[in-house]
Amino acid sequence: LESYFGAGPAAYFSFLDSYIRSLAVPAIAATILWLRRRRIGHHGAGKVLAPLLIAAWALHFVKKFPKQGCYRRALEAEAKAAPAKKGEEMSMRQASKGVAAVLASTAGTAALLLGISSVMVVSLNSQGYIVNRKSRFAVPLLQKMAGDKGIFDANHPVKSLIPAAIHSLVINHLGEWYVSAVQRLSEMDGTGRRGVIIRRLL
């Protein structure tokens, strides 16, 4: 693939292949925790172990992937293709990035993730997937709308499709905006393409 299309497309498909293969680790861990929960009858240590395992897996993957040959060659090819002047300007720009730029980029990334999470919570409530009023993700107004005779009645053959359609449209537009937002954040904090990959993974 690299010899035919070049290092860039090869690095992209290599990332997808590595990411999909690496999902076996959290999948096995989640299966073990799920079986343990069924056997014991409560979450127990799973509430603590699950986030730690996911965080460790994500950090290991992000650290390991840039060491792959096709990814390094893609960066080298991009660097050679860029004019020397542009490279000098980029180096000066990255050198001038201070703590404020990194903090602003981190805050922006956190805001993006919070926004996407809020959209998912709203969608789950409006589609009737969160029925427990005591859930930490419960939105009583949306739960009422998704209940019997509500405008989003989850058991109605037509009304139940409305929140799903709205969710699809919102996610479609958010996806396009999210791509441009993470690119701007990565340019701002100097992480470049690596920052874009990490943020898209998140």
N, C-alpha and C. Protein backbone atom coordinates (compact mmCIF):
# COMPACT_ATOMS: atom_id res chain seq x y z
N LEU A 1 0.83 -1.20 0.00
CA LEU A 1 0.00 0.00 0.00
C LEU A 1 0.87 1.26 0.00
N GLU A 2 1.93 1.22 0.79
CA GLU A 2 2.82 2.38 0.87
C GLU A 2 3.54 2.63 -0.44
N SER A 3 3.99 1.57 -1.11
CA SER A 3 4.71 1.73 -2.37
C SER A 3 3.80 2.18 -3.50
N TYR A 4 2.50 1.95 -3.38
CA TYR A 4 1.56 2.31 -4.44
C TYR A 4 0.94 3.69 -4.21
N PHE A 5 0.46 3.95 -2.99
CA PHE A 5 -0.23 5.20 -2.71
C PHE A 5 0.65 6.23 -2.00
N GLY A 6 1.73 5.79 -1.37
CA GLY A 6 2.57 6.72 -0.64
C GLY A 6 2.49 6.50 0.86
N ALA A 7 3.36 7.21 1.58
CA ALA A 7 3.46 7.01 3.02
C ALA A 7 2.25 7.53 3.78
N GLY A 8 1.64 8.64 3.29
CA GLY A 8 0.50 9.23 3.98
C GLY A 8 -0.69 8.29 4.10
N PRO A 9 -1.24 7.81 2.97
CA PRO A 9 -2.36 6.85 3.06
C PRO A 9 -1.99 5.58 3.81
N ALA A 10 -0.76 5.12 3.66
CA ALA A 10 -0.33 3.91 4.37
C ALA A 10 -0.35 4.13 5.88
N ALA A 11 0.08 5.32 6.31
CA ALA A 11 0.06 5.62 7.75
C ALA A 11 -1.37 5.67 8.27
N TYR A 12 -2.30 6.20 7.45
CA TYR A 12 -3.70 6.29 7.87
C TYR A 12 -4.30 4.90 8.07
N PHE A 13 -4.12 4.02 7.07
CA PHE A 13 -4.69 2.68 7.18
C PHE A 13 -3.95 1.85 8.23
N SER A 14 -2.67 2.14 8.43
CA SER A 14 -1.93 1.45 9.49
C SER A 14 -2.48 1.84 10.85
N PHE A 15 -2.85 3.13 11.00
CA PHE A 15 -3.45 3.58 12.25
C PHE A 15 -4.78 2.87 12.50
N LEU A 16 -5.63 2.80 11.47
CA LEU A 16 -6.92 2.13 11.62
C LEU A 16 -6.73 0.66 11.99
N ASP A 17 -5.80 -0.01 11.30
CA ASP A 17 -5.57 -1.43 11.56
C ASP A 17 -5.04 -1.64 12.98
N SER A 18 -4.09 -0.80 13.39
CA SER A 18 -3.53 -0.94 14.75
C SER A 18 -4.58 -0.65 15.81
N TYR A 19 -5.39 0.37 15.55
CA TYR A 19 -6.42 0.74 16.53
C TYR A 19 -7.45 -0.38 16.70
N ILE A 20 -7.91 -0.94 15.57
CA ILE A 20 -8.91 -2.00 15.64
C ILE A 20 -8.35 -3.23 16.34
N ARG A 21 -7.10 -3.58 16.00
CA ARG A 21 -6.48 -4.74 16.65
C ARG A 21 -6.31 -4.51 18.16
N SER A 22 -5.94 -3.28 18.52
CA SER A 22 -5.69 -3.00 19.94
C SER A 22 -6.97 -3.01 20.76
N LEU A 23 -8.13 -2.90 20.10
CA LEU A 23 -9.40 -2.93 20.84
C LEU A 23 -9.65 -4.28 21.49
N ALA A 24 -8.88 -5.29 21.09
CA ALA A 24 -9.03 -6.61 21.72
C ALA A 24 -8.72 -6.55 23.21
N VAL A 25 -7.78 -5.69 23.59
CA VAL A 25 -7.38 -5.59 25.01
C VAL A 25 -8.53 -5.07 25.88
N PRO A 26 -9.10 -3.88 25.57
CA PRO A 26 -10.23 -3.43 26.40
C PRO A 26 -11.46 -4.32 26.28
N ALA A 27 -11.62 -4.98 25.12
CA ALA A 27 -12.76 -5.88 24.96
C ALA A 27 -12.66 -7.08 25.91
N ILE A 28 -11.45 -7.66 26.01
CA ILE A 28 -11.25 -8.78 26.91
C ILE A 28 -11.42 -8.34 28.37
N ALA A 29 -10.86 -7.16 28.69
CA ALA A 29 -10.98 -6.65 30.06
C ALA A 29 -12.43 -6.38 30.42
N ALA A 30 -13.18 -5.79 29.47
CA ALA A 30 -14.60 -5.51 29.74
C ALA A 30 -15.39 -6.79 29.91
N THR A 31 -15.06 -7.82 29.12
CA THR A 31 -15.76 -9.10 29.24
C THR A 31 -15.51 -9.74 30.61
N ILE A 32 -14.26 -9.66 31.08
CA ILE A 32 -13.93 -10.23 32.39
C ILE A 32 -14.68 -9.49 33.49
N LEU A 33 -14.70 -8.16 33.40
CA LEU A 33 -15.41 -7.38 34.42
C LEU A 33 -16.91 -7.65 34.38
N TRP A 34 -17.45 -7.83 33.15
CA TRP A 34 -18.89 -8.10 33.02
C TRP A 34 -19.24 -9.46 33.62
N LEU A 35 -18.39 -10.47 33.35
CA LEU A 35 -18.64 -11.79 33.92
C LEU A 35 -18.50 -11.76 35.44
N ARG A 36 -17.55 -10.99 35.93
CA ARG A 36 -17.38 -10.86 37.37
C ARG A 36 -18.60 -10.19 38.01
N ARG A 37 -19.14 -9.20 37.32
CA ARG A 37 -20.32 -8.52 37.85
C ARG A 37 -21.52 -9.46 37.89
N ARG A 38 -21.68 -10.29 36.85
CA ARG A 38 -22.79 -11.25 36.84
C ARG A 38 -22.66 -12.28 37.94
N ARG A 39 -21.42 -12.63 38.25
CA ARG A 39 -21.20 -13.64 39.27
C ARG A 39 -21.40 -13.08 40.67
N ILE A 40 -20.87 -11.86 40.90
CA ILE A 40 -20.95 -11.27 42.23
C ILE A 40 -22.28 -10.55 42.44
N GLY A 41 -22.78 -9.90 41.39
CA GLY A 41 -24.06 -9.21 41.50
C GLY A 41 -23.97 -7.72 41.69
N HIS A 42 -22.75 -7.15 41.70
CA HIS A 42 -22.61 -5.70 41.82
C HIS A 42 -21.30 -5.29 41.16
N HIS A 43 -21.15 -3.97 40.97
CA HIS A 43 -19.97 -3.47 40.26
C HIS A 43 -18.69 -3.72 41.05
N GLY A 44 -18.69 -3.37 42.34
CA GLY A 44 -17.52 -3.55 43.17
C GLY A 44 -16.32 -2.78 42.65
N ALA A 45 -15.20 -3.48 42.53
CA ALA A 45 -13.96 -2.83 42.08
C ALA A 45 -13.99 -2.48 40.61
N GLY A 46 -14.98 -2.97 39.87
CA GLY A 46 -15.06 -2.68 38.44
C GLY A 46 -15.17 -1.20 38.14
N LYS A 47 -15.83 -0.46 39.03
CA LYS A 47 -15.98 0.98 38.83
C LYS A 47 -14.63 1.68 38.83
N VAL A 48 -13.68 1.14 39.55
CA VAL A 48 -12.36 1.74 39.62
C VAL A 48 -11.44 1.14 38.56
N LEU A 49 -11.52 -0.17 38.37
CA LEU A 49 -10.61 -0.84 37.44
C LEU A 49 -10.88 -0.47 35.99
N ALA A 50 -12.15 -0.38 35.61
CA ALA A 50 -12.48 -0.12 34.20
C ALA A 50 -11.87 1.18 33.69
N PRO A 51 -12.06 2.35 34.35
CA PRO A 51 -11.43 3.58 33.85
C PRO A 51 -9.91 3.51 33.83
N LEU A 52 -9.31 2.85 34.85
CA LEU A 52 -7.86 2.74 34.88
C LEU A 52 -7.34 1.89 33.72
N LEU A 53 -8.03 0.79 33.44
CA LEU A 53 -7.61 -0.07 32.33
C LEU A 53 -7.73 0.64 30.99
N ILE A 54 -8.83 1.36 30.79
CA ILE A 54 -9.02 2.10 29.54
C ILE A 54 -7.96 3.18 29.38
N ALA A 55 -7.67 3.90 30.47
CA ALA A 55 -6.67 4.96 30.41
C ALA A 55 -5.28 4.38 30.10
N ALA A 56 -4.94 3.26 30.74
CA ALA A 56 -3.64 2.64 30.50
C ALA A 56 -3.53 2.13 29.05
N TRP A 57 -4.62 1.53 28.56
CA TRP A 57 -4.62 1.05 27.18
C TRP A 57 -4.46 2.20 26.20
N ALA A 58 -5.20 3.30 26.41
CA ALA A 58 -5.13 4.45 25.49
C ALA A 58 -3.74 5.07 25.47
N LEU A 59 -3.14 5.24 26.65
CA LEU A 59 -1.81 5.82 26.72
C LEU A 59 -0.77 4.92 26.05
N HIS A 60 -0.90 3.62 26.24
CA HIS A 60 0.03 2.68 25.60
C HIS A 60 -0.10 2.74 24.08
N PHE A 61 -1.33 2.80 23.59
CA PHE A 61 -1.53 2.83 22.14
C PHE A 61 -0.98 4.12 21.53
N VAL A 62 -1.29 5.26 22.16
CA VAL A 62 -0.83 6.55 21.63
C VAL A 62 0.69 6.64 21.66
N LYS A 63 1.31 6.02 22.66
CA LYS A 63 2.77 6.04 22.74
C LYS A 63 3.40 5.08 21.75
N LYS A 64 2.75 3.96 21.48
CA LYS A 64 3.33 2.93 20.62
C LYS A 64 3.17 3.23 19.14
N PHE A 65 2.01 3.80 18.74
CA PHE A 65 1.74 3.95 17.32
C PHE A 65 2.75 4.82 16.59
N PRO A 66 3.16 6.00 17.13
CA PRO A 66 4.12 6.83 16.38
C PRO A 66 5.44 6.16 16.08
N LYS A 67 5.76 5.02 16.73
CA LYS A 67 7.02 4.33 16.49
C LYS A 67 6.96 3.46 15.24
N GLN A 68 5.78 3.28 14.65
CA GLN A 68 5.66 2.44 13.47
C GLN A 68 6.35 3.10 12.29
N GLY A 69 6.96 2.26 11.45
CA GLY A 69 7.78 2.77 10.35
C GLY A 69 7.02 3.64 9.36
N CYS A 70 5.81 3.20 8.95
CA CYS A 70 5.08 3.95 7.94
C CYS A 70 4.69 5.33 8.46
N TYR A 71 4.41 5.42 9.76
CA TYR A 71 4.04 6.73 10.34
C TYR A 71 5.25 7.66 10.33
N ARG A 72 6.41 7.14 10.70
CA ARG A 72 7.63 7.97 10.68
C ARG A 72 7.98 8.39 9.26
N ARG A 73 7.83 7.48 8.32
CA ARG A 73 8.15 7.83 6.93
C ARG A 73 7.18 8.86 6.38
N ALA A 74 5.92 8.79 6.80
CA ALA A 74 4.94 9.79 6.37
C ALA A 74 5.32 11.17 6.88
N LEU A 75 5.76 11.24 8.13
CA LEU A 75 6.20 12.53 8.68
C LEU A 75 7.45 13.03 7.98
N GLU A 76 8.36 12.12 7.66
CA GLU A 76 9.59 12.51 6.97
C GLU A 76 9.27 13.02 5.55
N ALA A 77 8.35 12.33 4.87
CA ALA A 77 7.98 12.76 3.52
C ALA A 77 7.30 14.13 3.55
N GLU A 78 6.48 14.35 4.54
CA GLU A 78 5.81 15.64 4.66
C GLU A 78 6.82 16.75 4.96
N ALA A 79 7.81 16.42 5.79
CA ALA A 79 8.82 17.42 6.13
C ALA A 79 9.68 17.77 4.92
N LYS A 80 10.01 16.78 4.09
CA LYS A 80 10.82 17.03 2.90
C LYS A 80 10.06 17.84 1.86
N ALA A 81 8.76 17.60 1.77
CA ALA A 81 7.96 18.31 0.77
C ALA A 81 7.74 19.76 1.14
N ALA A 82 7.76 20.07 2.41
CA ALA A 82 7.52 21.45 2.85
C ALA A 82 8.75 22.31 2.58
N PRO A 83 8.56 23.54 2.16
CA PRO A 83 9.69 24.45 1.94
C PRO A 83 10.47 24.69 3.23
N ALA A 84 11.72 24.97 3.07
CA ALA A 84 12.57 25.19 4.25
C ALA A 84 12.09 26.39 5.05
N LYS A 85 11.61 27.41 4.35
CA LYS A 85 11.14 28.60 5.05
C LYS A 85 9.93 28.28 5.92
N LYS A 86 9.05 27.46 5.37
CA LYS A 86 7.87 27.08 6.16
C LYS A 86 8.28 26.30 7.39
N GLY A 87 9.28 25.43 7.23
CA GLY A 87 9.75 24.66 8.37
C GLY A 87 10.34 25.55 9.45
N GLU A 88 11.09 26.60 9.02
CA GLU A 88 11.65 27.52 10.00
C GLU A 88 10.56 28.29 10.71
N GLU A 89 9.56 28.74 9.96
CA GLU A 89 8.46 29.47 10.57
C GLU A 89 7.69 28.59 11.55
N MET A 90 7.51 27.33 11.20
CA MET A 90 6.80 26.41 12.09
C MET A 90 7.59 26.17 13.37
N SER A 91 8.92 26.05 13.22
CA SER A 91 9.76 25.83 14.39
C SER A 91 9.71 27.04 15.32
N MET A 92 9.75 28.24 14.73
CA MET A 92 9.66 29.44 15.54
C MET A 92 8.30 29.55 16.21
N ARG A 93 7.25 29.17 15.47
CA ARG A 93 5.91 29.23 16.03
C ARG A 93 5.76 28.26 17.19
N GLN A 94 6.30 27.04 17.01
CA GLN A 94 6.22 26.06 18.08
C GLN A 94 7.05 26.48 19.29
N ALA A 95 8.19 27.12 19.03
CA ALA A 95 9.04 27.56 20.14
C ALA A 95 8.36 28.65 20.96
N SER A 96 7.52 29.43 20.28
CA SER A 96 6.86 30.54 20.97
C SER A 96 5.62 30.11 21.75
N LYS A 97 5.22 28.86 21.55
CA LYS A 97 4.05 28.38 22.29
C LYS A 97 4.41 28.23 23.76
N GLY A 98 3.64 28.85 24.60
CA GLY A 98 3.89 28.78 26.03
C GLY A 98 2.87 27.94 26.75
N VAL A 99 2.89 28.06 28.05
CA VAL A 99 1.97 27.31 28.89
C VAL A 99 0.53 27.71 28.61
N ALA A 100 0.32 29.00 28.31
CA ALA A 100 -1.04 29.49 28.06
C ALA A 100 -1.67 28.79 26.85
N ALA A 101 -0.89 28.58 25.79
CA ALA A 101 -1.42 27.92 24.58
C ALA A 101 -1.79 26.48 24.88
N VAL A 102 -0.96 25.78 25.65
CA VAL A 102 -1.24 24.38 25.98
C VAL A 102 -2.48 24.28 26.86
N LEU A 103 -2.58 25.19 27.85
CA LEU A 103 -3.75 25.18 28.73
C LEU A 103 -5.02 25.49 27.96
N ALA A 104 -4.93 26.45 27.03
CA ALA A 104 -6.11 26.81 26.22
C ALA A 104 -6.52 25.64 25.34
N SER A 105 -5.54 24.93 24.77
CA SER A 105 -5.85 23.78 23.93
C SER A 105 -6.47 22.66 24.76
N THR A 106 -5.94 22.44 25.97
CA THR A 106 -6.50 21.41 26.85
C THR A 106 -7.93 21.73 27.23
N ALA A 107 -8.17 23.01 27.56
CA ALA A 107 -9.52 23.43 27.92
C ALA A 107 -10.47 23.28 26.73
N GLY A 108 -9.97 23.60 25.53
CA GLY A 108 -10.80 23.43 24.34
C GLY A 108 -11.16 21.98 24.07
N THR A 109 -10.17 21.09 24.24
CA THR A 109 -10.44 19.66 24.06
C THR A 109 -11.45 19.15 25.08
N ALA A 110 -11.29 19.58 26.34
CA ALA A 110 -12.23 19.17 27.38
C ALA A 110 -13.64 19.68 27.07
N ALA A 111 -13.73 20.91 26.54
CA ALA A 111 -15.04 21.45 26.18
C ALA A 111 -15.68 20.67 25.05
N LEU A 112 -14.87 20.25 24.08
CA LEU A 112 -15.39 19.44 22.97
C LEU A 112 -15.94 18.11 23.49
N LEU A 113 -15.17 17.45 24.34
CA LEU A 113 -15.60 16.16 24.88
C LEU A 113 -16.85 16.31 25.74
N LEU A 114 -16.91 17.39 26.52
CA LEU A 114 -18.09 17.64 27.34
C LEU A 114 -19.32 17.88 26.48
N GLY A 115 -19.12 18.64 25.39
CA GLY A 115 -20.24 18.90 24.49
C GLY A 115 -20.77 17.64 23.84
N ILE A 116 -19.85 16.78 23.35
CA ILE A 116 -20.28 15.53 22.72
C ILE A 116 -20.97 14.63 23.75
N SER A 117 -20.44 14.58 24.97
CA SER A 117 -21.06 13.76 26.01
C SER A 117 -22.46 14.26 26.35
N SER A 118 -22.63 15.57 26.38
CA SER A 118 -23.96 16.14 26.66
C SER A 118 -24.96 15.78 25.57
N VAL A 119 -24.50 15.81 24.33
CA VAL A 119 -25.38 15.44 23.22
C VAL A 119 -25.82 13.98 23.35
N MET A 120 -24.87 13.10 23.74
CA MET A 120 -25.20 11.69 23.89
C MET A 120 -26.19 11.46 25.03
N VAL A 121 -26.02 12.19 26.13
CA VAL A 121 -26.94 12.05 27.26
C VAL A 121 -28.34 12.51 26.86
N VAL A 122 -28.43 13.64 26.16
CA VAL A 122 -29.73 14.13 25.69
C VAL A 122 -30.38 13.12 24.75
N SER A 123 -29.58 12.54 23.85
CA SER A 123 -30.10 11.58 22.89
C SER A 123 -30.62 10.32 23.58
N LEU A 124 -29.85 9.80 24.54
CA LEU A 124 -30.26 8.59 25.25
C LEU A 124 -31.54 8.80 26.04
N ASN A 125 -31.68 9.97 26.65
CA ASN A 125 -32.90 10.27 27.40
C ASN A 125 -34.10 10.43 26.48
N SER A 126 -33.92 11.14 25.37
CA SER A 126 -35.04 11.40 24.46
C SER A 126 -35.48 10.15 23.71
N GLN A 127 -34.58 9.14 23.59
CA GLN A 127 -34.94 7.90 22.91
C GLN A 127 -35.44 6.84 23.89
N GLY A 128 -35.50 7.17 25.16
CA GLY A 128 -36.06 6.26 26.14
C GLY A 128 -35.11 5.19 26.64
N TYR A 129 -33.79 5.36 26.42
CA TYR A 129 -32.84 4.35 26.87
C TYR A 129 -32.50 4.52 28.35
N ILE A 130 -32.64 5.73 28.89
CA ILE A 130 -32.41 5.96 30.30
C ILE A 130 -33.77 6.15 30.96
N VAL A 131 -34.24 5.14 31.65
CA VAL A 131 -35.58 5.16 32.25
C VAL A 131 -35.54 5.36 33.77
N ASN A 132 -34.40 5.10 34.36
CA ASN A 132 -34.27 5.24 35.81
C ASN A 132 -34.18 6.72 36.17
N ARG A 133 -35.15 7.21 36.94
CA ARG A 133 -35.16 8.62 37.31
C ARG A 133 -34.02 8.98 38.25
N LYS A 134 -33.44 7.99 38.92
CA LYS A 134 -32.37 8.25 39.87
C LYS A 134 -30.98 8.17 39.23
N SER A 135 -30.93 7.89 37.95
CA SER A 135 -29.65 7.80 37.26
C SER A 135 -28.97 9.16 37.22
N ARG A 136 -27.64 9.14 37.31
CA ARG A 136 -26.90 10.40 37.28
C ARG A 136 -27.00 11.08 35.92
N PHE A 137 -27.40 10.33 34.90
CA PHE A 137 -27.54 10.89 33.55
C PHE A 137 -29.00 11.18 33.19
N ALA A 138 -29.89 11.04 34.15
CA ALA A 138 -31.32 11.22 33.88
C ALA A 138 -31.65 12.70 33.67
N VAL A 139 -32.48 12.95 32.66
CA VAL A 139 -33.04 14.28 32.40
C VAL A 139 -34.55 14.12 32.46
N PRO A 140 -35.18 14.45 33.59
CA PRO A 140 -36.61 14.17 33.78
C PRO A 140 -37.52 14.66 32.67
N LEU A 141 -37.28 15.86 32.15
CA LEU A 141 -38.13 16.40 31.09
C LEU A 141 -38.08 15.52 29.84
N LEU A 142 -36.87 15.11 29.45
CA LEU A 142 -36.73 14.26 28.26
C LEU A 142 -37.27 12.87 28.52
N GLN A 143 -37.11 12.37 29.73
CA GLN A 143 -37.67 11.06 30.06
C GLN A 143 -39.19 11.08 29.97
N LYS A 144 -39.77 12.19 30.39
CA LYS A 144 -41.23 12.32 30.30
C LYS A 144 -41.67 12.40 28.85
N MET A 145 -40.89 13.09 28.02
CA MET A 145 -41.23 13.19 26.59
C MET A 145 -41.11 11.85 25.89
N ALA A 146 -40.19 10.99 26.38
CA ALA A 146 -40.01 9.67 25.78
C ALA A 146 -40.93 8.62 26.39
N GLY A 147 -41.72 9.01 27.40
CA GLY A 147 -42.63 8.07 28.04
C GLY A 147 -43.92 7.86 27.27
N ASP A 148 -44.84 7.14 27.87
CA ASP A 148 -46.12 6.86 27.22
C ASP A 148 -46.86 8.15 26.89
N LYS A 149 -47.33 8.22 25.64
CA LYS A 149 -48.09 9.36 25.12
C LYS A 149 -47.29 10.65 25.04
N GLY A 150 -45.96 10.55 25.19
CA GLY A 150 -45.11 11.73 25.03
C GLY A 150 -44.84 11.99 23.55
N ILE A 151 -44.27 13.14 23.25
CA ILE A 151 -44.03 13.46 21.84
C ILE A 151 -42.91 12.60 21.25
N PHE A 152 -42.07 12.00 22.12
CA PHE A 152 -41.03 11.08 21.66
C PHE A 152 -41.29 9.67 22.17
N ASP A 153 -42.55 9.29 22.31
CA ASP A 153 -42.94 8.00 22.88
C ASP A 153 -42.08 6.87 22.30
N ALA A 154 -41.26 6.25 23.17
CA ALA A 154 -40.31 5.22 22.72
C ALA A 154 -41.01 3.98 22.19
N ASN A 155 -42.27 3.77 22.55
CA ASN A 155 -43.00 2.58 22.10
C ASN A 155 -43.87 2.86 20.88
N HIS A 156 -43.89 4.11 20.42
CA HIS A 156 -44.71 4.46 19.26
C HIS A 156 -43.90 4.21 17.98
N PRO A 157 -44.52 3.63 16.94
CA PRO A 157 -43.75 3.30 15.73
C PRO A 157 -43.24 4.52 14.97
N VAL A 158 -43.86 5.68 15.14
CA VAL A 158 -43.44 6.88 14.41
C VAL A 158 -42.74 7.87 15.33
N LYS A 159 -43.34 8.15 16.47
CA LYS A 159 -42.77 9.13 17.39
C LYS A 159 -41.37 8.75 17.86
N SER A 160 -41.12 7.44 17.99
CA SER A 160 -39.81 7.00 18.47
C SER A 160 -38.70 7.28 17.46
N LEU A 161 -39.08 7.52 16.19
CA LEU A 161 -38.07 7.78 15.16
C LEU A 161 -37.60 9.24 15.17
N ILE A 162 -38.40 10.12 15.77
CA ILE A 162 -38.07 11.55 15.73
C ILE A 162 -36.75 11.84 16.43
N PRO A 163 -36.55 11.42 17.71
CA PRO A 163 -35.26 11.73 18.35
C PRO A 163 -34.08 11.05 17.67
N ALA A 164 -34.30 9.87 17.09
CA ALA A 164 -33.20 9.19 16.37
C ALA A 164 -32.79 9.98 15.14
N ALA A 165 -33.76 10.52 14.42
CA ALA A 165 -33.46 11.33 13.23
C ALA A 165 -32.74 12.62 13.62
N ILE A 166 -33.22 13.26 14.70
CA ILE A 166 -32.57 14.48 15.17
C ILE A 166 -31.13 14.19 15.60
N HIS A 167 -30.95 13.06 16.29
CA HIS A 167 -29.61 12.67 16.73
C HIS A 167 -28.67 12.49 15.53
N SER A 168 -29.14 11.84 14.49
CA SER A 168 -28.30 11.61 13.30
C SER A 168 -27.89 12.92 12.64
N LEU A 169 -28.82 13.85 12.52
CA LEU A 169 -28.52 15.14 11.90
C LEU A 169 -27.52 15.93 12.75
N VAL A 170 -27.74 15.95 14.06
CA VAL A 170 -26.85 16.71 14.94
C VAL A 170 -25.44 16.13 14.92
N ILE A 171 -25.32 14.80 15.03
CA ILE A 171 -24.01 14.16 15.03
C ILE A 171 -23.29 14.38 13.70
N ASN A 172 -24.03 14.38 12.60
CA ASN A 172 -23.43 14.60 11.29
C ASN A 172 -22.79 15.98 11.21
N HIS A 173 -23.52 17.01 11.65
CA HIS A 173 -22.98 18.37 11.62
C HIS A 173 -21.87 18.55 12.65
N LEU A 174 -22.04 17.95 13.83
CA LEU A 174 -21.00 18.05 14.85
C LEU A 174 -19.69 17.39 14.40
N GLY A 175 -19.80 16.28 13.66
CA GLY A 175 -18.61 15.59 13.18
C GLY A 175 -17.78 16.48 12.27
N GLU A 176 -18.44 17.19 11.36
CA GLU A 176 -17.72 18.09 10.45
C GLU A 176 -17.06 19.23 11.23
N TRP A 177 -17.80 19.79 12.19
CA TRP A 177 -17.25 20.89 12.98
C TRP A 177 -16.13 20.40 13.88
N TYR A 178 -16.25 19.19 14.41
CA TYR A 178 -15.26 18.63 15.32
C TYR A 178 -13.92 18.47 14.63
N VAL A 179 -13.94 18.03 13.35
CA VAL A 179 -12.69 17.84 12.61
C VAL A 179 -11.92 19.14 12.50
N SER A 180 -12.61 20.21 12.08
CA SER A 180 -11.91 21.50 11.94
C SER A 180 -11.47 22.05 13.30
N ALA A 181 -12.26 21.80 14.34
CA ALA A 181 -11.91 22.30 15.67
C ALA A 181 -10.64 21.64 16.20
N VAL A 182 -10.53 20.31 16.07
CA VAL A 182 -9.34 19.63 16.59
C VAL A 182 -8.10 20.00 15.78
N GLN A 183 -8.26 20.28 14.50
CA GLN A 183 -7.11 20.72 13.70
C GLN A 183 -6.61 22.08 14.17
N ARG A 184 -7.53 22.99 14.46
CA ARG A 184 -7.13 24.31 14.95
C ARG A 184 -6.46 24.21 16.32
N LEU A 185 -7.00 23.36 17.19
CA LEU A 185 -6.41 23.19 18.51
C LEU A 185 -5.01 22.60 18.42
N SER A 186 -4.82 21.64 17.50
CA SER A 186 -3.50 21.01 17.35
C SER A 186 -2.48 21.98 16.76
N GLU A 187 -2.93 22.87 15.88
CA GLU A 187 -2.03 23.89 15.35
C GLU A 187 -1.67 24.90 16.43
N MET A 188 -2.63 25.18 17.32
CA MET A 188 -2.42 26.17 18.35
C MET A 188 -1.41 25.71 19.39
N ASP A 189 -1.50 24.42 19.81
CA ASP A 189 -0.59 23.96 20.86
C ASP A 189 0.67 23.31 20.31
N GLY A 190 0.79 23.26 18.97
CA GLY A 190 2.03 22.77 18.36
C GLY A 190 2.15 21.27 18.24
N THR A 191 1.10 20.51 18.55
CA THR A 191 1.18 19.04 18.46
C THR A 191 0.99 18.55 17.03
N GLY A 192 0.45 19.40 16.15
CA GLY A 192 0.33 19.03 14.75
C GLY A 192 -0.54 17.82 14.50
N ARG A 193 -0.12 16.98 13.55
CA ARG A 193 -0.94 15.84 13.16
C ARG A 193 -1.11 14.84 14.29
N ARG A 194 -0.09 14.69 15.13
CA ARG A 194 -0.20 13.75 16.24
C ARG A 194 -1.33 14.18 17.18
N GLY A 195 -1.44 15.49 17.42
CA GLY A 195 -2.53 15.99 18.26
C GLY A 195 -3.89 15.73 17.66
N VAL A 196 -3.99 15.84 16.33
CA VAL A 196 -5.27 15.57 15.66
C VAL A 196 -5.67 14.11 15.85
N ILE A 197 -4.69 13.20 15.71
CA ILE A 197 -4.97 11.76 15.85
C ILE A 197 -5.45 11.46 17.28
N ILE A 198 -4.77 12.04 18.27
CA ILE A 198 -5.14 11.78 19.67
C ILE A 198 -6.54 12.29 19.95
N ARG A 199 -6.84 13.50 19.48
CA ARG A 199 -8.15 14.08 19.76
C ARG A 199 -9.25 13.30 19.03
N ARG A 200 -8.97 12.85 17.81
CA ARG A 200 -9.98 12.05 17.09
C ARG A 200 -10.19 10.72 17.79
N LEU A 201 -9.11 10.17 18.38
CA LEU A 201 -9.24 8.91 19.14
C LEU A 201 -10.12 9.12 20.36
N LEU A 202 -9.95 10.26 21.03
CA LEU A 202 -10.79 10.57 22.18
C LEU A 202 -12.23 10.73 21.76
